[in-house]
Amino acid sequence: MHYPYPLSLLALVSATIVAVWWWLGAPVPMPEAPVAAGEKLYCISYAPFRGAQSPLDPATRIEPWQIDDDMARLSRITDCVRT
């Protein structure tokens, strides 16, 4: 006797799993900053990597000017930087 239910159930469960993961991974718009104009964030975390720079690549070298530039930009929005 041939039962089509197991394959149908497998297809339904697989489609449901794919749909849920697609929904969870969908991009969402960023909310507005939680501070008013002129206010600063209390503290932020900082890592000096930009674009294709990676902490996992031993050849990555972060130039001092890049960190200086980052700190100058961050000083406009916070007085505290965690590294």
C-alpha atoms as a PDB file:
ATOM      1  CA  MET A   1       0.000   0.000   0.000  1.00  0.00           C
ATOM      2  CA  HIS A   2       1.388   3.448  -0.973  1.00  0.00           C
ATOM      3  CA  TYR A   3       1.070   6.352   1.483  1.00  0.00           C
ATOM      4  CA  PRO A   4       1.583   9.854  -0.022  1.00  0.00           C
ATOM      5  CA  TYR A   5       1.284  11.545   3.385  1.00  0.00           C
ATOM      6  CA  PRO A   6       4.915  11.244   4.551  1.00  0.00           C
ATOM      7  CA  LEU A   7       6.230  13.037   1.442  1.00  0.00           C
ATOM      8  CA  SER A   8       3.504  15.656   1.622  1.00  0.00           C
ATOM      9  CA  LEU A   9       4.239  16.213   5.289  1.00  0.00           C
ATOM     10  CA  LEU A  10       7.979  16.491   4.579  1.00  0.00           C
ATOM     11  CA  ALA A  11       7.322  19.060   1.844  1.00  0.00           C
ATOM     12  CA  LEU A  12       4.987  21.070   4.084  1.00  0.00           C
ATOM     13  CA  VAL A  13       7.401  21.091   7.037  1.00  0.00           C
ATOM     14  CA  SER A  14      10.351  21.997   4.791  1.00  0.00           C
ATOM     15  CA  ALA A  15       8.419  24.856   3.192  1.00  0.00           C
ATOM     16  CA  THR A  16       7.364  26.115   6.635  1.00  0.00           C
ATOM     17  CA  ILE A  17      10.958  26.074   7.916  1.00  0.00           C
ATOM     18  CA  VAL A  18      12.202  27.953   4.848  1.00  0.00           C
ATOM     19  CA  ALA A  19       9.414  30.523   5.154  1.00  0.00           C
ATOM     20  CA  VAL A  20      10.110  31.144   8.850  1.00  0.00           C
ATOM     21  CA  TRP A  21      13.865  31.575   8.285  1.00  0.00           C
ATOM     22  CA  TRP A  22      13.166  33.899   5.340  1.00  0.00           C
ATOM     23  CA  TRP A  23      10.822  35.966   7.512  1.00  0.00           C
ATOM     24  CA  LEU A  24      13.335  36.135  10.397  1.00  0.00           C
ATOM     25  CA  GLY A  25      16.116  37.207   8.027  1.00  0.00           C
ATOM     26  CA  ALA A  26      14.142  39.899   6.212  1.00  0.00           C
ATOM     27  CA  PRO A  27      15.697  43.375   6.503  1.00  0.00           C
ATOM     28  CA  VAL A  28      13.998  45.912   8.747  1.00  0.00           C
ATOM     29  CA  PRO A  29      14.351  49.695   8.666  1.00  0.00           C
ATOM     30  CA  MET A  30      16.533  51.253  11.345  1.00  0.00           C
ATOM     31  CA  PRO A  31      14.638  53.220  13.968  1.00  0.00           C
ATOM     32  CA  GLU A  32      15.406  56.846  14.623  1.00  0.00           C
ATOM     33  CA  ALA A  33      18.185  57.561  17.099  1.00  0.00           C
ATOM     34  CA  PRO A  34      16.894  57.419  20.683  1.00  0.00           C
ATOM     35  CA  VAL A  35      18.464  60.777  21.535  1.00  0.00           C
ATOM     36  CA  ALA A  36      17.226  64.260  20.763  1.00  0.00           C
ATOM     37  CA  ALA A  37      19.143  66.644  18.515  1.00  0.00           C
ATOM     38  CA  GLY A  38      22.249  67.930  20.287  1.00  0.00           C
ATOM     39  CA  GLU A  39      22.336  65.073  22.812  1.00  0.00           C
ATOM     40  CA  LYS A  40      25.019  62.391  22.842  1.00  0.00           C
ATOM     41  CA  LEU A  41      24.902  58.658  23.402  1.00  0.00           C
ATOM     42  CA  TYR A  42      26.185  57.586  26.821  1.00  0.00           C
ATOM     43  CA  CYS A  43      28.777  55.110  25.510  1.00  0.00           C
ATOM     44  CA  ILE A  44      29.389  53.012  22.414  1.00  0.00           C
ATOM     45  CA  SER A  45      31.511  50.005  21.468  1.00  0.00           C
ATOM     46  CA  TYR A  46      34.163  50.487  18.801  1.00  0.00           C
ATOM     47  CA  ALA A  47      36.059  48.201  16.469  1.00  0.00           C
ATOM     48  CA  PRO A  48      38.299  49.865  13.877  1.00  0.00           C
ATOM     49  CA  PHE A  49      37.367  47.698  10.895  1.00  0.00           C
ATOM     50  CA  ARG A  50      35.887  49.217   7.737  1.00  0.00           C
ATOM     51  CA  GLY A  51      34.616  47.663   4.515  1.00  0.00           C
ATOM     52  CA  ALA A  52      36.596  44.535   3.694  1.00  0.00           C
ATOM     53  CA  GLN A  53      38.919  44.815   6.711  1.00  0.00           C
ATOM     54  CA  SER A  54      38.579  41.796   8.961  1.00  0.00           C
ATOM     55  CA  PRO A  55      39.927  40.840  12.381  1.00  0.00           C
ATOM     56  CA  LEU A  56      40.156  37.284  11.062  1.00  0.00           C
ATOM     57  CA  ASP A  57      42.739  38.221   8.396  1.00  0.00           C
ATOM     58  CA  PRO A  58      46.258  38.338   9.874  1.00  0.00           C
ATOM     59  CA  ALA A  59      47.350  40.675   7.062  1.00  0.00           C
ATOM     60  CA  THR A  60      44.853  43.370   8.097  1.00  0.00           C
ATOM     61  CA  ARG A  61      46.620  46.520   9.264  1.00  0.00           C
ATOM     62  CA  ILE A  62      44.633  49.431  10.625  1.00  0.00           C
ATOM     63  CA  GLU A  63      46.410  52.706  10.001  1.00  0.00           C
ATOM     64  CA  PRO A  64      46.586  55.254  12.858  1.00  0.00           C
ATOM     65  CA  TRP A  65      44.952  57.939  10.682  1.00  0.00           C
ATOM     66  CA  GLN A  66      41.887  55.701  10.298  1.00  0.00           C
ATOM     67  CA  ILE A  67      41.454  55.364  14.056  1.00  0.00           C
ATOM     68  CA  ASP A  68      42.000  59.125  14.476  1.00  0.00           C
ATOM     69  CA  ASP A  69      39.308  59.770  11.865  1.00  0.00           C
ATOM     70  CA  ASP A  70      36.921  57.353  13.586  1.00  0.00           C
ATOM     71  CA  MET A  71      37.505  58.985  16.984  1.00  0.00           C
ATOM     72  CA  ALA A  72      36.904  62.455  15.532  1.00  0.00           C
ATOM     73  CA  ARG A  73      33.602  61.285  14.052  1.00  0.00           C
ATOM     74  CA  LEU A  74      32.558  59.487  17.221  1.00  0.00           C
ATOM     75  CA  SER A  75      33.339  62.518  19.395  1.00  0.00           C
ATOM     76  CA  ARG A  76      30.365  64.233  17.788  1.00  0.00           C
ATOM     77  CA  ILE A  77      27.947  61.603  19.107  1.00  0.00           C
ATOM     78  CA  THR A  78      29.492  60.304  22.361  1.00  0.00           C
ATOM     79  CA  ASP A  79      32.011  61.057  25.097  1.00  0.00           C
ATOM     80  CA  CYS A  80      32.652  57.387  25.900  1.00  0.00           C
ATOM     81  CA  VAL A  81      34.117  54.722  23.584  1.00  0.00           C
ATOM     82  CA  ARG A  82      34.639  51.082  24.599  1.00  0.00           C
ATOM     83  CA  THR A  83      37.194  49.078  22.645  1.00  0.00           C
END
